[in-house]
Amino acid sequence: MIEKILPPWVAAAEAFRDPPDIALFPEEESVVAGAVDKRRREFTTARHCARQALAHLGLPPAPILPDEHGAPQWPGGVVGAITHCAGYRAAAVSLKAITLGIDAEPHEQLPRGVLQTIALDEERAALERLGGRVHWDRLLFSTKESVYKAWFPLARRPLGFEEVHILLDPSGAFIARLLVPGPQVARRRLTGFTGRWIVADGLVATAITLPV
């Protein structure tokens, strides 16, 4: 699913269930030592997907450890992102990207009160004008998650939901406009991202890729 919204120079792998007997590196085992079963399964299968994606690039297996902010640390020269939700885990990696972000969510309405927390007034008004069978509120949430994952490795600081404006295109694309100063990227100030989205298999997924 996720590969449909990623360019060919990004390698991806996904899983709709947790395969048994996945081996973690000792360093990774220490991260989830004592974790509840749900957290351990998410972490383990996501790392399994990450190593599958790295293999598509011709790279050997490697431990994918979270940094002090929880972001995955990739082998040198690799840019990547991980996502997981109920019934789905995925990883995407590239040697030809400045940054990338992916996110997957259940394709269902957000819990009561969440939209007011994550959406700007203009975004909520835009959602009301969209029709069809897409849960646009959940899609908006997912796009902001992908934006955060693409933003953080470049800026190394958090980005609030209110600090980015999302314009959703029913054709399967979106534009993310930063409302705060972005970092310098390739000698230019980053002002936003473009991305793609898909609804399939009871899920909504979003992806951002910024090529070198």
Protein backbone atom coordinates (compact mmCIF):
# COMPACT_ATOMS: atom_id res chain seq x y z
CA MET A 1 0.00 0.00 0.00
CA ILE A 2 2.54 2.59 1.12
CA GLU A 3 4.72 2.11 -1.97
CA LYS A 4 1.90 3.50 -4.14
CA ILE A 5 2.46 6.99 -2.71
CA LEU A 6 6.26 6.87 -2.70
CA PRO A 7 8.62 7.60 -5.61
CA PRO A 8 10.66 4.74 -7.10
CA TRP A 9 13.85 5.91 -5.42
CA VAL A 10 12.35 5.18 -2.00
CA ALA A 11 12.32 1.57 -0.78
CA ALA A 12 9.48 0.48 1.47
CA ALA A 13 8.27 -2.59 3.31
CA GLU A 14 5.05 -3.18 5.22
CA ALA A 15 3.30 -5.79 7.34
CA PHE A 16 -0.38 -6.28 8.16
CA ARG A 17 0.37 -8.69 10.99
CA ASP A 18 3.23 -9.38 13.38
CA PRO A 19 5.29 -12.33 12.08
CA PRO A 20 6.41 -14.73 14.82
CA ASP A 21 10.03 -15.21 15.86
CA ILE A 22 11.47 -11.95 14.55
CA ALA A 23 14.98 -11.48 15.92
CA LEU A 24 16.04 -8.11 17.29
CA PHE A 25 19.60 -6.91 17.69
CA PRO A 26 20.76 -6.97 21.35
CA GLU A 27 20.78 -3.16 21.39
CA GLU A 28 17.15 -3.14 20.25
CA GLU A 29 16.18 -5.77 22.82
CA SER A 30 17.37 -3.43 25.54
CA VAL A 31 15.02 -0.71 24.26
CA VAL A 32 11.90 -2.86 24.71
CA ALA A 33 13.02 -4.82 27.76
CA GLY A 34 10.03 -4.80 30.08
CA ALA A 35 7.75 -3.16 27.50
CA VAL A 36 4.12 -4.22 27.27
CA ASP A 37 3.30 -6.75 24.54
CA LYS A 38 1.66 -4.19 22.23
CA ARG A 39 4.70 -1.88 22.32
CA ARG A 40 7.10 -4.78 21.81
CA ARG A 41 5.18 -6.11 18.78
CA GLU A 42 4.98 -2.66 17.18
CA PHE A 43 8.68 -2.03 17.71
CA THR A 44 9.78 -5.48 16.55
CA THR A 45 7.72 -5.69 13.37
CA ALA A 46 8.57 -2.10 12.43
CA ARG A 47 12.28 -2.97 12.70
CA HIS A 48 11.65 -6.07 10.60
CA CYS A 49 10.09 -3.83 7.93
CA ALA A 50 13.00 -1.40 8.21
CA ARG A 51 15.54 -4.14 7.55
CA GLN A 52 13.51 -5.42 4.60
CA ALA A 53 13.48 -1.89 3.16
CA LEU A 54 17.24 -1.53 3.71
CA ALA A 55 17.75 -4.82 1.89
CA HIS A 56 15.92 -3.38 -1.12
CA LEU A 57 18.66 -0.74 -1.21
CA GLY A 58 21.32 -3.46 -1.07
CA LEU A 59 22.25 -2.63 2.52
CA PRO A 60 22.93 -5.17 5.29
CA PRO A 61 20.74 -5.56 8.40
CA ALA A 62 21.48 -3.02 11.11
CA PRO A 63 19.99 -2.06 14.48
CA ILE A 64 17.51 0.82 14.25
CA LEU A 65 17.61 2.50 17.63
CA PRO A 66 15.54 5.49 18.74
CA ASP A 67 17.39 8.67 19.61
CA GLU A 68 16.68 10.77 22.68
CA HIS A 69 13.55 12.11 20.98
CA GLY A 70 12.32 8.68 19.89
CA ALA A 71 13.20 9.18 16.22
CA PRO A 72 14.79 6.17 14.48
CA GLN A 73 18.53 6.39 13.82
CA TRP A 74 19.44 5.08 10.36
CA PRO A 75 22.74 3.81 8.95
CA GLY A 76 25.01 6.46 7.46
CA GLY A 77 23.71 7.96 4.24
CA VAL A 78 20.19 6.60 4.75
CA VAL A 79 17.09 8.71 5.30
CA GLY A 80 14.01 6.91 6.56
CA ALA A 81 10.79 6.84 8.53
CA ILE A 82 8.68 4.28 10.38
CA THR A 83 4.97 4.13 11.12
CA HIS A 84 2.70 1.71 12.94
CA CYS A 85 -0.94 1.52 13.94
CA ALA A 86 -3.41 -1.25 14.70
CA GLY A 87 -2.95 -3.94 12.05
CA TYR A 88 -0.20 -2.19 10.12
CA ARG A 89 3.55 -1.49 10.31
CA ALA A 90 5.75 0.07 7.61
CA ALA A 91 9.16 1.57 6.96
CA ALA A 92 10.52 3.63 4.07
CA VAL A 93 14.18 4.41 3.36
CA SER A 94 16.19 6.16 0.67
CA LEU A 95 19.73 7.09 -0.32
CA LYS A 96 18.46 9.91 -2.54
CA ALA A 97 16.33 11.95 -0.16
CA ILE A 98 17.01 14.91 2.10
CA THR A 99 14.16 13.81 4.34
CA LEU A 100 10.98 11.77 4.24
CA GLY A 101 7.98 11.10 6.42
CA ILE A 102 5.28 8.43 6.39
CA ASP A 103 2.25 7.79 8.55
CA ALA A 104 -0.64 5.31 8.61
CA GLU A 105 -3.84 5.48 10.63
CA PRO A 106 -7.11 3.53 10.86
CA HIS A 107 -9.51 4.98 8.30
CA GLU A 108 -12.12 6.11 10.79
CA GLN A 109 -13.29 9.33 12.36
CA LEU A 110 -11.05 10.93 14.94
CA PRO A 111 -12.16 10.66 18.57
CA ARG A 112 -14.35 13.49 19.78
CA GLY A 113 -12.40 16.67 20.49
CA VAL A 114 -9.19 15.69 18.68
CA LEU A 115 -9.89 17.65 15.51
CA GLN A 116 -10.24 20.86 17.50
CA THR A 117 -6.82 20.17 18.99
CA ILE A 118 -4.91 19.44 15.79
CA ALA A 119 -6.64 21.61 13.15
CA LEU A 120 -6.54 25.31 12.38
CA ASP A 121 -9.83 27.13 11.86
CA GLU A 122 -9.14 27.33 8.11
CA GLU A 123 -8.44 23.61 7.96
CA ARG A 124 -11.68 22.70 9.72
CA ALA A 125 -13.62 24.95 7.34
CA ALA A 126 -11.95 23.27 4.35
CA LEU A 127 -12.80 19.80 5.67
CA GLU A 128 -16.47 20.73 5.86
CA ARG A 129 -16.45 21.47 2.12
CA LEU A 130 -15.02 18.06 1.21
CA GLY A 131 -17.36 15.18 0.54
CA GLY A 132 -17.14 11.53 -0.35
CA ARG A 133 -16.34 8.57 1.83
CA VAL A 134 -12.96 9.72 3.10
CA HIS A 135 -12.57 10.49 6.81
CA TRP A 136 -10.92 13.82 6.09
CA ASP A 137 -10.29 14.57 9.75
CA ARG A 138 -8.19 11.41 10.12
CA LEU A 139 -6.38 12.19 6.87
CA LEU A 140 -5.54 15.66 8.16
CA PHE A 141 -4.11 14.14 11.33
CA SER A 142 -2.01 11.70 9.29
CA THR A 143 -0.61 14.42 7.05
CA LYS A 144 0.52 16.39 10.08
CA GLU A 145 2.23 13.30 11.46
CA SER A 146 4.10 12.83 8.17
CA VAL A 147 5.05 16.51 8.16
CA TYR A 148 6.48 16.19 11.66
CA LYS A 149 8.57 13.16 10.70
CA ALA A 150 9.95 14.97 7.65
CA TRP A 151 10.53 18.21 9.59
CA PHE A 152 12.24 16.93 12.73
CA PRO A 153 15.47 15.50 11.23
CA LEU A 154 16.06 18.85 9.52
CA ALA A 155 15.04 21.26 12.27
CA ARG A 156 15.77 19.11 15.35
CA ARG A 157 12.97 20.79 17.24
CA PRO A 158 9.27 19.95 17.69
CA LEU A 159 6.62 21.27 15.33
CA GLY A 160 3.19 21.94 16.76
CA PHE A 161 -0.02 21.01 14.99
CA GLU A 162 -0.83 24.71 14.82
CA GLU A 163 2.50 25.51 13.13
CA VAL A 164 1.63 23.98 9.78
CA HIS A 165 -1.31 24.52 7.44
CA ILE A 166 -2.48 21.56 5.33
CA LEU A 167 -4.34 21.85 2.04
CA LEU A 168 -5.82 18.48 1.05
CA ASP A 169 -6.47 17.66 -2.60
CA PRO A 170 -9.13 14.99 -3.19
CA SER A 171 -7.01 13.66 -6.08
CA GLY A 172 -4.56 12.17 -3.55
CA ALA A 173 -2.08 14.98 -2.91
CA PHE A 174 -1.56 17.59 -0.21
CA ILE A 175 0.44 20.74 0.41
CA ALA A 176 1.88 21.55 3.83
CA ARG A 177 2.77 25.20 4.44
CA LEU A 178 4.96 25.96 7.44
CA LEU A 179 3.73 28.82 9.62
CA VAL A 180 7.07 29.12 11.42
CA PRO A 181 10.55 29.70 9.98
CA GLY A 182 11.99 26.48 8.61
CA PRO A 183 15.63 25.39 8.55
CA GLN A 184 17.99 26.03 5.68
CA VAL A 185 17.87 23.14 3.21
CA ALA A 186 20.11 23.11 0.13
CA ARG A 187 20.83 26.84 0.72
CA ARG A 188 17.15 27.71 0.82
CA ARG A 189 14.76 28.32 3.67
CA LEU A 190 12.31 25.43 3.97
CA THR A 191 8.76 26.77 3.68
CA GLY A 192 6.77 23.57 3.40
CA PHE A 193 6.32 20.14 1.86
CA THR A 194 4.20 18.40 -0.74
CA GLY A 195 2.95 14.86 -0.26
CA ARG A 196 0.56 12.15 -1.32
CA TRP A 197 -2.14 10.14 0.41
CA ILE A 198 -4.06 6.92 -0.10
CA VAL A 199 -7.01 5.11 1.47
CA ALA A 200 -6.92 1.31 1.22
CA ASP A 201 -7.45 -1.81 3.31
CA GLY A 202 -9.25 0.13 6.05
CA LEU A 203 -6.28 2.46 6.48
CA VAL A 204 -5.26 5.94 5.46
CA ALA A 205 -1.57 6.53 4.70
CA THR A 206 0.39 9.68 3.89
CA ALA A 207 3.92 10.25 2.63
CA ILE A 208 6.33 13.14 2.10
CA THR A 209 9.60 12.85 0.18
CA LEU A 210 12.12 15.63 -0.36
CA PRO A 211 14.70 14.56 -2.96
CA VAL A 212 18.34 15.56 -2.90
